[in-house]
Amino acid sequence: MQPLIGFAIVLGCVFGGFMLHGGDLNVIWQPVELLIILGAGLGAIVIGNPKHVLSEMVLQLKKVVSRKKQGEEFQRQLLLLMYELLQTAAGGLKALDAHVEAPEESALFKRYPLILDEPKLLHFIVDNFRLMAMGKINAHELEGVLEQELEAIHEELSQPAKSLAKIAEAMPGFGILAAVLGIVMAMNVVADGAGTAEIAVRVAAAMVGTFIGIFFSYGVFDPLSNMMRQIVSEEMAALESVKVVLVTHVSGKPPLLAIDAGRRLVPLDIKPSFALLEGWINNMQNGGDPEATPRRRATDRMPGERRAA
């Protein structure tokens, strides 16, 4: 909803201001110029990116439109899932086989649907529990492996936003391209003996191309690429949290301390307090509904929340 509101503000201010100046929107509506500029931009994206980057770009653009932020409930499910997996691993890593080999069919994973809906995060979790189950690995070795994996994941997930940012930089150039073609057409009618009024209309239509290119560059594609970078940052924060939990566990710390280490990497606006995390775990261990969130005390406020008046 927020991106749509933002685009509505951009459209309202730009075109509303144009109309308040006495402008006619019919002058700006140049479908051929739109076809040239947006078609050139789309073609450049297809030429400059492999298929998997294009697929990831479409996926991230869908997330921008839906904009389902990873909120407190997502963090609760992630931390509790990791806690249950560590508790299961305490009885021997082989006990995890039934869960990590087919997580979509595991009763444990089914209790945390928000994690199942994130395939990259899910694969990262199960793959690294498999890694620990395959043989003895110390904390330093595991941390090195996970850092390299996260670096590779971040580079791949960031590529769509980088590509879209490049197209945003190129849009004014595509606008000039459309404007030049329009001027060429205007000069043709001059050669045919057209009147001054017709020439002026064609030149004005040609200059709209420059406006369209600048508008889509700074008003559409650049904000979209920025939102895509923020989505990637949210996904990487969850992966970093899992990494810290695993490394802390392998170093010999008990599950609660390992989970707390991961909690510390949660973004501040949705970061639960230690007391709230402990309440979630106690509620689960005491036979409560693991999908129910215990009532927060005043001391359990999320960072940035104000005390109620």
C-alpha atoms as a PDB file:
ATOM      1  CA  MET A   1       0.000   0.000   0.000  1.00  0.00           C
ATOM      2  CA  GLN A   2       2.773   2.474   0.889  1.00  0.00           C
ATOM      3  CA  PRO A   3       4.467   2.267  -2.562  1.00  0.00           C
ATOM      4  CA  LEU A   4       1.105   2.930  -4.228  1.00  0.00           C
ATOM      5  CA  ILE A   5       0.563   5.954  -2.001  1.00  0.00           C
ATOM      6  CA  GLY A   6       4.032   7.208  -2.890  1.00  0.00           C
ATOM      7  CA  PHE A   7       3.416   6.847  -6.630  1.00  0.00           C
ATOM      8  CA  ALA A   8       0.048   8.582  -6.235  1.00  0.00           C
ATOM      9  CA  ILE A   9       1.814  11.522  -4.574  1.00  0.00           C
ATOM     10  CA  VAL A  10       4.378  11.693  -7.398  1.00  0.00           C
ATOM     11  CA  LEU A  11       1.701  11.557 -10.106  1.00  0.00           C
ATOM     12  CA  GLY A  12      -0.570  14.020  -8.317  1.00  0.00           C
ATOM     13  CA  CYS A  13       2.153  16.591  -7.721  1.00  0.00           C
ATOM     14  CA  VAL A  14       3.771  16.382 -11.167  1.00  0.00           C
ATOM     15  CA  PHE A  15       0.677  16.268 -13.343  1.00  0.00           C
ATOM     16  CA  GLY A  16      -1.474  18.249 -10.922  1.00  0.00           C
ATOM     17  CA  GLY A  17       1.119  21.023 -10.920  1.00  0.00           C
ATOM     18  CA  PHE A  18       1.222  20.912 -14.719  1.00  0.00           C
ATOM     19  CA  MET A  19      -2.549  21.348 -14.877  1.00  0.00           C
ATOM     20  CA  LEU A  20      -2.478  24.186 -12.321  1.00  0.00           C
ATOM     21  CA  HIS A  21      -0.037  25.922 -14.662  1.00  0.00           C
ATOM     22  CA  GLY A  22      -2.724  25.714 -17.322  1.00  0.00           C
ATOM     23  CA  GLY A  23      -1.317  22.667 -19.088  1.00  0.00           C
ATOM     24  CA  ASP A  24      -3.387  20.181 -21.061  1.00  0.00           C
ATOM     25  CA  LEU A  25      -2.794  16.502 -20.254  1.00  0.00           C
ATOM     26  CA  ASN A  26      -3.629  15.602 -23.852  1.00  0.00           C
ATOM     27  CA  VAL A  27      -0.362  17.249 -24.858  1.00  0.00           C
ATOM     28  CA  ILE A  28       1.620  14.902 -22.575  1.00  0.00           C
ATOM     29  CA  TRP A  29      -0.188  11.761 -23.659  1.00  0.00           C
ATOM     30  CA  GLN A  30       2.141  10.492 -26.389  1.00  0.00           C
ATOM     31  CA  PRO A  31       1.735   6.693 -26.586  1.00  0.00           C
ATOM     32  CA  VAL A  32       4.333   6.306 -29.352  1.00  0.00           C
ATOM     33  CA  GLU A  33       6.960   8.073 -27.225  1.00  0.00           C
ATOM     34  CA  LEU A  34       6.052   5.811 -24.293  1.00  0.00           C
ATOM     35  CA  LEU A  35       6.454   2.762 -26.536  1.00  0.00           C
ATOM     36  CA  ILE A  36       9.894   3.898 -27.691  1.00  0.00           C
ATOM     37  CA  ILE A  37      11.226   4.798 -24.239  1.00  0.00           C
ATOM     38  CA  LEU A  38       9.767   1.967 -22.144  1.00  0.00           C
ATOM     39  CA  GLY A  39      10.353  -0.561 -24.914  1.00  0.00           C
ATOM     40  CA  ALA A  40      14.008   0.446 -25.142  1.00  0.00           C
ATOM     41  CA  GLY A  41      14.344   0.194 -21.349  1.00  0.00           C
ATOM     42  CA  LEU A  42      12.703  -3.240 -21.238  1.00  0.00           C
ATOM     43  CA  GLY A  43      14.840  -4.474 -24.101  1.00  0.00           C
ATOM     44  CA  ALA A  44      17.998  -3.246 -22.364  1.00  0.00           C
ATOM     45  CA  ILE A  45      17.021  -5.161 -19.213  1.00  0.00           C
ATOM     46  CA  VAL A  46      16.474  -8.357 -21.214  1.00  0.00           C
ATOM     47  CA  ILE A  47      19.759  -7.943 -23.112  1.00  0.00           C
ATOM     48  CA  GLY A  48      21.842  -7.165 -20.036  1.00  0.00           C
ATOM     49  CA  ASN A  49      20.644  -9.851 -17.618  1.00  0.00           C
ATOM     50  CA  PRO A  50      20.535 -13.665 -17.602  1.00  0.00           C
ATOM     51  CA  LYS A  51      17.246 -15.473 -17.111  1.00  0.00           C
ATOM     52  CA  HIS A  52      17.676 -16.160 -13.388  1.00  0.00           C
ATOM     53  CA  VAL A  53      18.281 -12.443 -12.686  1.00  0.00           C
ATOM     54  CA  LEU A  54      15.153 -11.520 -14.647  1.00  0.00           C
ATOM     55  CA  SER A  55      13.136 -14.077 -12.663  1.00  0.00           C
ATOM     56  CA  GLU A  56      14.451 -12.712  -9.377  1.00  0.00           C
ATOM     57  CA  MET A  57      13.686  -9.159 -10.534  1.00  0.00           C
ATOM     58  CA  VAL A  58      10.048 -10.086 -11.232  1.00  0.00           C
ATOM     59  CA  LEU A  59       9.817 -11.771  -7.823  1.00  0.00           C
ATOM     60  CA  GLN A  60      11.240  -8.735  -6.025  1.00  0.00           C
ATOM     61  CA  LEU A  61       8.941  -6.360  -7.911  1.00  0.00           C
ATOM     62  CA  LYS A  62       5.966  -8.462  -6.756  1.00  0.00           C
ATOM     63  CA  LYS A  63       7.221  -8.136  -3.189  1.00  0.00           C
ATOM     64  CA  VAL A  64       7.504  -4.369  -3.642  1.00  0.00           C
ATOM     65  CA  VAL A  65       3.846  -4.198  -4.680  1.00  0.00           C
ATOM     66  CA  SER A  66       2.593  -6.478  -1.890  1.00  0.00           C
ATOM     67  CA  ARG A  67       5.202  -5.083   0.576  1.00  0.00           C
ATOM     68  CA  LYS A  68       4.660  -7.672   3.305  1.00  0.00           C
ATOM     69  CA  LYS A  69       7.305  -6.603   5.781  1.00  0.00           C
ATOM     70  CA  GLN A  70       8.967  -9.262   7.905  1.00  0.00           C
ATOM     71  CA  GLY A  71       7.393  -8.178  11.168  1.00  0.00           C
ATOM     72  CA  GLU A  72       7.372  -9.371  14.763  1.00  0.00           C
ATOM     73  CA  GLU A  73       5.390 -12.539  13.967  1.00  0.00           C
ATOM     74  CA  PHE A  74       7.935 -13.544  11.326  1.00  0.00           C
ATOM     75  CA  GLN A  75      10.792 -13.065  13.801  1.00  0.00           C
ATOM     76  CA  ARG A  76       8.910 -15.017  16.469  1.00  0.00           C
ATOM     77  CA  GLN A  77       8.442 -17.970  14.134  1.00  0.00           C
ATOM     78  CA  LEU A  78      12.056 -17.862  12.959  1.00  0.00           C
ATOM     79  CA  LEU A  79      13.536 -17.766  16.467  1.00  0.00           C
ATOM     80  CA  LEU A  80      11.221 -20.472  17.816  1.00  0.00           C
ATOM     81  CA  LEU A  81      11.899 -22.709  14.801  1.00  0.00           C
ATOM     82  CA  MET A  82      15.636 -22.383  15.354  1.00  0.00           C
ATOM     83  CA  TYR A  83      15.172 -23.120  19.062  1.00  0.00           C
ATOM     84  CA  GLU A  84      13.185 -26.285  18.353  1.00  0.00           C
ATOM     85  CA  LEU A  85      15.744 -27.442  15.799  1.00  0.00           C
ATOM     86  CA  LEU A  86      18.585 -26.908  18.267  1.00  0.00           C
ATOM     87  CA  GLN A  87      16.664 -28.767  20.959  1.00  0.00           C
ATOM     88  CA  THR A  88      16.102 -31.635  18.538  1.00  0.00           C
ATOM     89  CA  ALA A  89      19.788 -31.618  17.603  1.00  0.00           C
ATOM     90  CA  ALA A  90      20.688 -31.984  21.295  1.00  0.00           C
ATOM     91  CA  GLY A  91      19.516 -35.594  21.030  1.00  0.00           C
ATOM     92  CA  GLY A  92      21.893 -36.136  18.134  1.00  0.00           C
ATOM     93  CA  LEU A  93      22.034 -34.421  14.775  1.00  0.00           C
ATOM     94  CA  LYS A  94      20.669 -37.568  13.139  1.00  0.00           C
ATOM     95  CA  ALA A  95      17.384 -36.837  14.882  1.00  0.00           C
ATOM     96  CA  LEU A  96      17.012 -33.868  12.516  1.00  0.00           C
ATOM     97  CA  ASP A  97      16.965 -36.010   9.389  1.00  0.00           C
ATOM     98  CA  ALA A  98      13.197 -36.434   9.399  1.00  0.00           C
ATOM     99  CA  HIS A  99      12.788 -32.650   9.449  1.00  0.00           C
ATOM    100  CA  VAL A 100      15.571 -31.258   7.260  1.00  0.00           C
ATOM    101  CA  GLU A 101      15.233 -33.843   4.474  1.00  0.00           C
ATOM    102  CA  ALA A 102      11.602 -32.903   3.769  1.00  0.00           C
ATOM    103  CA  PRO A 103      10.783 -29.681   5.655  1.00  0.00           C
ATOM    104  CA  GLU A 104       7.504 -29.140   3.782  1.00  0.00           C
ATOM    105  CA  GLU A 105       6.235 -32.447   5.232  1.00  0.00           C
ATOM    106  CA  SER A 106       7.710 -31.995   8.719  1.00  0.00           C
ATOM    107  CA  ALA A 107       5.245 -31.375  11.559  1.00  0.00           C
ATOM    108  CA  LEU A 108       7.864 -29.157  13.185  1.00  0.00           C
ATOM    109  CA  PHE A 109       8.244 -26.870  10.165  1.00  0.00           C
ATOM    110  CA  LYS A 110       4.499 -26.794   9.520  1.00  0.00           C
ATOM    111  CA  ARG A 111       4.068 -24.944  12.817  1.00  0.00           C
ATOM    112  CA  TYR A 112       5.952 -22.032  11.261  1.00  0.00           C
ATOM    113  CA  PRO A 113       4.213 -21.256   7.934  1.00  0.00           C
ATOM    114  CA  LEU A 114       5.861 -17.862   7.453  1.00  0.00           C
ATOM    115  CA  ILE A 115       9.257 -19.576   7.266  1.00  0.00           C
ATOM    116  CA  LEU A 116       7.962 -22.184   4.829  1.00  0.00           C
ATOM    117  CA  ASP A 117       6.845 -19.296   2.610  1.00  0.00           C
ATOM    118  CA  GLU A 118      10.456 -18.067   2.331  1.00  0.00           C
ATOM    119  CA  PRO A 119      12.237 -20.690   0.167  1.00  0.00           C
ATOM    120  CA  LYS A 120      15.686 -19.046   0.294  1.00  0.00           C
ATOM    121  CA  LEU A 121      15.639 -18.836   4.077  1.00  0.00           C
ATOM    122  CA  LEU A 122      14.225 -22.358   4.393  1.00  0.00           C
ATOM    123  CA  HIS A 123      16.928 -23.839   2.168  1.00  0.00           C
ATOM    124  CA  PHE A 124      19.625 -21.960   4.062  1.00  0.00           C
ATOM    125  CA  ILE A 125      18.408 -23.415   7.364  1.00  0.00           C
ATOM    126  CA  VAL A 126      18.031 -27.030   6.265  1.00  0.00           C
ATOM    127  CA  ASP A 127      21.230 -27.073   4.181  1.00  0.00           C
ATOM    128  CA  ASN A 128      23.366 -25.921   7.079  1.00  0.00           C
ATOM    129  CA  PHE A 129      21.774 -28.304   9.560  1.00  0.00           C
ATOM    130  CA  ARG A 130      22.625 -31.042   7.034  1.00  0.00           C
ATOM    131  CA  LEU A 131      26.177 -29.684   6.970  1.00  0.00           C
ATOM    132  CA  MET A 132      26.472 -30.003  10.743  1.00  0.00           C
ATOM    133  CA  ALA A 133      24.981 -33.497  10.620  1.00  0.00           C
ATOM    134  CA  MET A 134      27.500 -34.703   8.028  1.00  0.00           C
ATOM    135  CA  GLY A 135      30.488 -34.476  10.353  1.00  0.00           C
ATOM    136  CA  LYS A 136      32.276 -32.544  13.056  1.00  0.00           C
ATOM    137  CA  ILE A 137      32.857 -28.895  12.190  1.00  0.00           C
ATOM    138  CA  ASN A 138      34.091 -26.249  14.589  1.00  0.00           C
ATOM    139  CA  ALA A 139      32.634 -22.769  15.001  1.00  0.00           C
ATOM    140  CA  HIS A 140      35.452 -21.017  13.137  1.00  0.00           C
ATOM    141  CA  GLU A 141      35.135 -23.283  10.090  1.00  0.00           C
ATOM    142  CA  LEU A 142      31.345 -22.999  10.063  1.00  0.00           C
ATOM    143  CA  GLU A 143      31.478 -19.219  10.327  1.00  0.00           C
ATOM    144  CA  GLY A 144      33.869 -19.024   7.374  1.00  0.00           C
ATOM    145  CA  VAL A 145      31.660 -21.259   5.236  1.00  0.00           C
ATOM    146  CA  LEU A 146      28.499 -19.324   6.099  1.00  0.00           C
ATOM    147  CA  GLU A 147      30.091 -15.924   5.497  1.00  0.00           C
ATOM    148  CA  GLN A 148      31.144 -16.983   2.006  1.00  0.00           C
ATOM    149  CA  GLU A 149      27.675 -18.371   1.299  1.00  0.00           C
ATOM    150  CA  LEU A 150      25.959 -15.205   2.534  1.00  0.00           C
ATOM    151  CA  GLU A 151      28.266 -13.057   0.436  1.00  0.00           C
ATOM    152  CA  ALA A 152      27.356 -15.058  -2.664  1.00  0.00           C
ATOM    153  CA  ILE A 153      23.615 -14.893  -1.821  1.00  0.00           C
ATOM    154  CA  HIS A 154      23.780 -11.137  -1.244  1.00  0.00           C
ATOM    155  CA  GLU A 155      25.547 -10.568  -4.558  1.00  0.00           C
ATOM    156  CA  GLU A 156      22.939 -12.601  -6.435  1.00  0.00           C
ATOM    157  CA  LEU A 157      19.939 -11.003  -4.713  1.00  0.00           C
ATOM    158  CA  SER A 158      21.357  -7.488  -5.225  1.00  0.00           C
ATOM    159  CA  GLN A 159      21.829  -7.894  -8.977  1.00  0.00           C
ATOM    160  CA  PRO A 160      18.182  -7.108  -9.953  1.00  0.00           C
ATOM    161  CA  ALA A 161      18.225  -3.822  -8.020  1.00  0.00           C
ATOM    162  CA  LYS A 162      21.585  -2.887  -9.564  1.00  0.00           C
ATOM    163  CA  SER A 163      20.266  -3.640 -13.049  1.00  0.00           C
ATOM    164  CA  LEU A 164      17.126  -1.601 -12.501  1.00  0.00           C
ATOM    165  CA  ALA A 165      19.215   1.292 -11.154  1.00  0.00           C
ATOM    166  CA  LYS A 166      21.298   1.184 -14.355  1.00  0.00           C
ATOM    167  CA  ILE A 167      18.123   1.397 -16.429  1.00  0.00           C
ATOM    168  CA  ALA A 168      16.960   4.325 -14.285  1.00  0.00           C
ATOM    169  CA  GLU A 169      20.197   6.114 -15.160  1.00  0.00           C
ATOM    170  CA  ALA A 170      19.635   5.356 -18.854  1.00  0.00           C
ATOM    171  CA  MET A 171      15.999   6.513 -19.044  1.00  0.00           C
ATOM    172  CA  PRO A 172      16.837  10.222 -19.689  1.00  0.00           C
ATOM    173  CA  GLY A 173      18.995   9.023 -22.595  1.00  0.00           C
ATOM    174  CA  PHE A 174      16.116   6.976 -23.983  1.00  0.00           C
ATOM    175  CA  GLY A 175      13.924  10.073 -23.580  1.00  0.00           C
ATOM    176  CA  ILE A 176      16.380  12.098 -25.653  1.00  0.00           C
ATOM    177  CA  LEU A 177      16.357   9.294 -28.227  1.00  0.00           C
ATOM    178  CA  ALA A 178      12.569   9.572 -28.554  1.00  0.00           C
ATOM    179  CA  ALA A 179      12.795  13.389 -28.662  1.00  0.00           C
ATOM    180  CA  VAL A 180      15.358  13.288 -31.487  1.00  0.00           C
ATOM    181  CA  LEU A 181      13.111  10.986 -33.501  1.00  0.00           C
ATOM    182  CA  GLY A 182      10.244  13.401 -32.910  1.00  0.00           C
ATOM    183  CA  ILE A 183      12.324  16.341 -34.113  1.00  0.00           C
ATOM    184  CA  VAL A 184      13.238  14.356 -37.226  1.00  0.00           C
ATOM    185  CA  MET A 185       9.535  13.883 -37.940  1.00  0.00           C
ATOM    186  CA  ALA A 186       8.920  17.592 -37.320  1.00  0.00           C
ATOM    187  CA  MET A 187      11.620  18.501 -39.853  1.00  0.00           C
ATOM    188  CA  ASN A 188       9.959  16.214 -42.399  1.00  0.00           C
ATOM    189  CA  VAL A 189       6.711  18.175 -42.202  1.00  0.00           C
ATOM    190  CA  VAL A 190       8.724  21.386 -42.632  1.00  0.00           C
ATOM    191  CA  ALA A 191      10.030  19.983 -45.886  1.00  0.00           C
ATOM    192  CA  ASP A 192       6.449  19.215 -46.909  1.00  0.00           C
ATOM    193  CA  GLY A 193       5.502  22.859 -46.381  1.00  0.00           C
ATOM    194  CA  ALA A 194       3.538  22.471 -43.117  1.00  0.00           C
ATOM    195  CA  GLY A 195       2.411  25.579 -41.288  1.00  0.00           C
ATOM    196  CA  THR A 196       3.969  27.042 -38.161  1.00  0.00           C
ATOM    197  CA  ALA A 197       1.209  25.736 -35.893  1.00  0.00           C
ATOM    198  CA  GLU A 198       1.639  22.130 -36.995  1.00  0.00           C
ATOM    199  CA  ILE A 199       5.403  22.339 -36.636  1.00  0.00           C
ATOM    200  CA  ALA A 200       5.063  23.736 -33.099  1.00  0.00           C
ATOM    201  CA  VAL A 201       2.728  20.892 -32.122  1.00  0.00           C
ATOM    202  CA  ARG A 202       5.152  18.273 -33.420  1.00  0.00           C
ATOM    203  CA  VAL A 203       8.141  19.850 -31.696  1.00  0.00           C
ATOM    204  CA  ALA A 204       6.215  20.014 -28.417  1.00  0.00           C
ATOM    205  CA  ALA A 205       5.246  16.342 -28.784  1.00  0.00           C
ATOM    206  CA  ALA A 206       8.884  15.469 -29.416  1.00  0.00           C
ATOM    207  CA  MET A 207      10.031  17.274 -26.258  1.00  0.00           C
ATOM    208  CA  VAL A 208       7.590  15.199 -24.222  1.00  0.00           C
ATOM    209  CA  GLY A 209       9.979  12.297 -24.756  1.00  0.00           C
ATOM    210  CA  THR A 210      12.636  14.035 -22.668  1.00  0.00           C
ATOM    211  CA  PHE A 211      10.069  14.593 -19.907  1.00  0.00           C
ATOM    212  CA  ILE A 212       8.961  10.960 -19.962  1.00  0.00           C
ATOM    213  CA  GLY A 213      12.546   9.703 -19.708  1.00  0.00           C
ATOM    214  CA  ILE A 214      13.363  11.938 -16.731  1.00  0.00           C
ATOM    215  CA  PHE A 215      10.043  11.162 -15.031  1.00  0.00           C
ATOM    216  CA  PHE A 216      10.478   7.389 -15.231  1.00  0.00           C
ATOM    217  CA  SER A 217      14.107   7.652 -14.178  1.00  0.00           C
ATOM    218  CA  TYR A 218      13.655   9.611 -10.943  1.00  0.00           C
ATOM    219  CA  GLY A 219       9.967   9.040 -10.254  1.00  0.00           C
ATOM    220  CA  VAL A 220       9.564   5.327 -10.961  1.00  0.00           C
ATOM    221  CA  PHE A 221      12.636   3.152 -11.610  1.00  0.00           C
ATOM    222  CA  ASP A 222      15.031   4.702  -9.087  1.00  0.00           C
ATOM    223  CA  PRO A 223      12.502   4.414  -6.178  1.00  0.00           C
ATOM    224  CA  LEU A 224      11.702   0.838  -7.275  1.00  0.00           C
ATOM    225  CA  SER A 225      15.374  -0.149  -7.215  1.00  0.00           C
ATOM    226  CA  ASN A 226      15.729   1.412  -3.761  1.00  0.00           C
ATOM    227  CA  MET A 227      12.760  -0.564  -2.427  1.00  0.00           C
ATOM    228  CA  MET A 228      14.217  -3.743  -3.919  1.00  0.00           C
ATOM    229  CA  ARG A 229      17.492  -3.084  -2.076  1.00  0.00           C
ATOM    230  CA  GLN A 230      15.540  -2.729   1.180  1.00  0.00           C
ATOM    231  CA  ILE A 231      13.763  -6.044   0.559  1.00  0.00           C
ATOM    232  CA  VAL A 232      17.138  -7.723  -0.001  1.00  0.00           C
ATOM    233  CA  SER A 233      18.420  -6.168   3.248  1.00  0.00           C
ATOM    234  CA  GLU A 234      15.448  -7.645   5.146  1.00  0.00           C
ATOM    235  CA  GLU A 235      16.072 -11.098   3.681  1.00  0.00           C
ATOM    236  CA  MET A 236      19.806 -10.900   4.441  1.00  0.00           C
ATOM    237  CA  ALA A 237      19.090  -9.850   8.058  1.00  0.00           C
ATOM    238  CA  ALA A 238      17.116 -13.081   8.568  1.00  0.00           C
ATOM    239  CA  LEU A 239      19.929 -15.141   7.037  1.00  0.00           C
ATOM    240  CA  GLU A 240      22.533 -13.378   9.184  1.00  0.00           C
ATOM    241  CA  SER A 241      20.442 -14.121  12.273  1.00  0.00           C
ATOM    242  CA  VAL A 242      20.352 -17.833  11.379  1.00  0.00           C
ATOM    243  CA  LYS A 243      24.108 -17.822  10.775  1.00  0.00           C
ATOM    244  CA  VAL A 244      24.841 -16.371  14.216  1.00  0.00           C
ATOM    245  CA  VAL A 245      22.522 -18.898  15.892  1.00  0.00           C
ATOM    246  CA  LEU A 246      24.285 -21.813  14.201  1.00  0.00           C
ATOM    247  CA  VAL A 247      27.805 -20.557  14.898  1.00  0.00           C
ATOM    248  CA  THR A 248      26.975 -19.839  18.545  1.00  0.00           C
ATOM    249  CA  HIS A 249      25.446 -23.303  18.941  1.00  0.00           C
ATOM    250  CA  VAL A 250      28.472 -25.053  17.401  1.00  0.00           C
ATOM    251  CA  SER A 251      30.759 -23.097  19.737  1.00  0.00           C
ATOM    252  CA  GLY A 252      29.111 -24.945  22.645  1.00  0.00           C
ATOM    253  CA  LYS A 253      26.555 -22.436  23.946  1.00  0.00           C
ATOM    254  CA  PRO A 254      23.118 -23.681  25.115  1.00  0.00           C
ATOM    255  CA  PRO A 255      20.139 -23.198  22.750  1.00  0.00           C
ATOM    256  CA  LEU A 256      18.699 -20.201  24.619  1.00  0.00           C
ATOM    257  CA  LEU A 257      21.956 -18.257  24.382  1.00  0.00           C
ATOM    258  CA  ALA A 258      22.341 -19.228  20.725  1.00  0.00           C
ATOM    259  CA  ILE A 259      18.834 -17.957  19.956  1.00  0.00           C
ATOM    260  CA  ASP A 260      19.500 -14.747  21.888  1.00  0.00           C
ATOM    261  CA  ALA A 261      22.629 -14.178  19.792  1.00  0.00           C
ATOM    262  CA  GLY A 262      20.464 -14.365  16.684  1.00  0.00           C
ATOM    263  CA  ARG A 263      17.861 -12.073  18.245  1.00  0.00           C
ATOM    264  CA  ARG A 264      20.476  -9.335  18.541  1.00  0.00           C
ATOM    265  CA  LEU A 265      20.763  -9.119  14.745  1.00  0.00           C
ATOM    266  CA  VAL A 266      17.039  -8.534  14.216  1.00  0.00           C
ATOM    267  CA  PRO A 267      16.291  -5.012  12.846  1.00  0.00           C
ATOM    268  CA  LEU A 268      15.600  -2.558  15.651  1.00  0.00           C
ATOM    269  CA  ASP A 269      12.015  -1.738  14.648  1.00  0.00           C
ATOM    270  CA  ILE A 270      10.919  -5.380  15.100  1.00  0.00           C
ATOM    271  CA  LYS A 271      13.534  -6.639  17.552  1.00  0.00           C
ATOM    272  CA  PRO A 272      11.952  -8.464  20.538  1.00  0.00           C
ATOM    273  CA  SER A 273      13.383  -8.030  24.005  1.00  0.00           C
ATOM    274  CA  PHE A 274      15.078 -10.980  25.703  1.00  0.00           C
ATOM    275  CA  ALA A 275      12.179 -11.179  28.152  1.00  0.00           C
ATOM    276  CA  LEU A 276       9.696 -11.453  25.297  1.00  0.00           C
ATOM    277  CA  LEU A 277      11.800 -14.127  23.604  1.00  0.00           C
ATOM    278  CA  GLU A 278      11.973 -16.062  26.862  1.00  0.00           C
ATOM    279  CA  GLY A 279       8.189 -15.750  27.192  1.00  0.00           C
ATOM    280  CA  TRP A 280       7.699 -17.239  23.731  1.00  0.00           C
ATOM    281  CA  ILE A 281       9.944 -20.185  24.577  1.00  0.00           C
ATOM    282  CA  ASN A 282       8.347 -20.782  27.996  1.00  0.00           C
ATOM    283  CA  ASN A 283       4.892 -20.687  26.459  1.00  0.00           C
ATOM    284  CA  MET A 284       5.935 -23.321  23.922  1.00  0.00           C
ATOM    285  CA  GLN A 285       7.645 -25.548  26.500  1.00  0.00           C
ATOM    286  CA  ASN A 286       4.705 -25.360  28.929  1.00  0.00           C
ATOM    287  CA  GLY A 287       2.409 -26.888  26.364  1.00  0.00           C
ATOM    288  CA  GLY A 288       0.932 -23.624  25.101  1.00  0.00           C
ATOM    289  CA  ASP A 289       0.051 -23.031  21.505  1.00  0.00           C
ATOM    290  CA  PRO A 290       3.388 -22.386  19.743  1.00  0.00           C
ATOM    291  CA  GLU A 291       1.515 -20.178  17.279  1.00  0.00           C
ATOM    292  CA  ALA A 292       0.109 -17.972  20.040  1.00  0.00           C
ATOM    293  CA  THR A 293       2.015 -14.866  21.053  1.00  0.00           C
ATOM    294  CA  PRO A 294       2.141 -14.330  24.832  1.00  0.00           C
ATOM    295  CA  ARG A 295       0.918 -11.020  26.083  1.00  0.00           C
ATOM    296  CA  ARG A 296       3.746  -8.544  26.301  1.00  0.00           C
ATOM    297  CA  ARG A 297       4.549  -6.720  29.490  1.00  0.00           C
ATOM    298  CA  ALA A 298       5.445  -3.034  29.556  1.00  0.00           C
ATOM    299  CA  THR A 299       9.132  -3.971  29.789  1.00  0.00           C
ATOM    300  CA  ASP A 300       8.804  -6.078  26.639  1.00  0.00           C
ATOM    301  CA  ARG A 301       8.129  -3.143  24.309  1.00  0.00           C
ATOM    302  CA  MET A 302       9.725  -3.335  20.912  1.00  0.00           C
ATOM    303  CA  PRO A 303      12.458  -0.765  20.231  1.00  0.00           C
ATOM    304  CA  GLY A 304      10.915   2.521  19.138  1.00  0.00           C
ATOM    305  CA  GLU A 305       7.547   1.851  20.813  1.00  0.00           C
ATOM    306  CA  ARG A 306       6.263   4.499  23.208  1.00  0.00           C
ATOM    307  CA  ARG A 307       4.753   3.808  26.577  1.00  0.00           C
ATOM    308  CA  ALA A 308       0.980   4.091  26.416  1.00  0.00           C
ATOM    309  CA  ALA A 309      -0.413   7.240  27.985  1.00  0.00           C
END
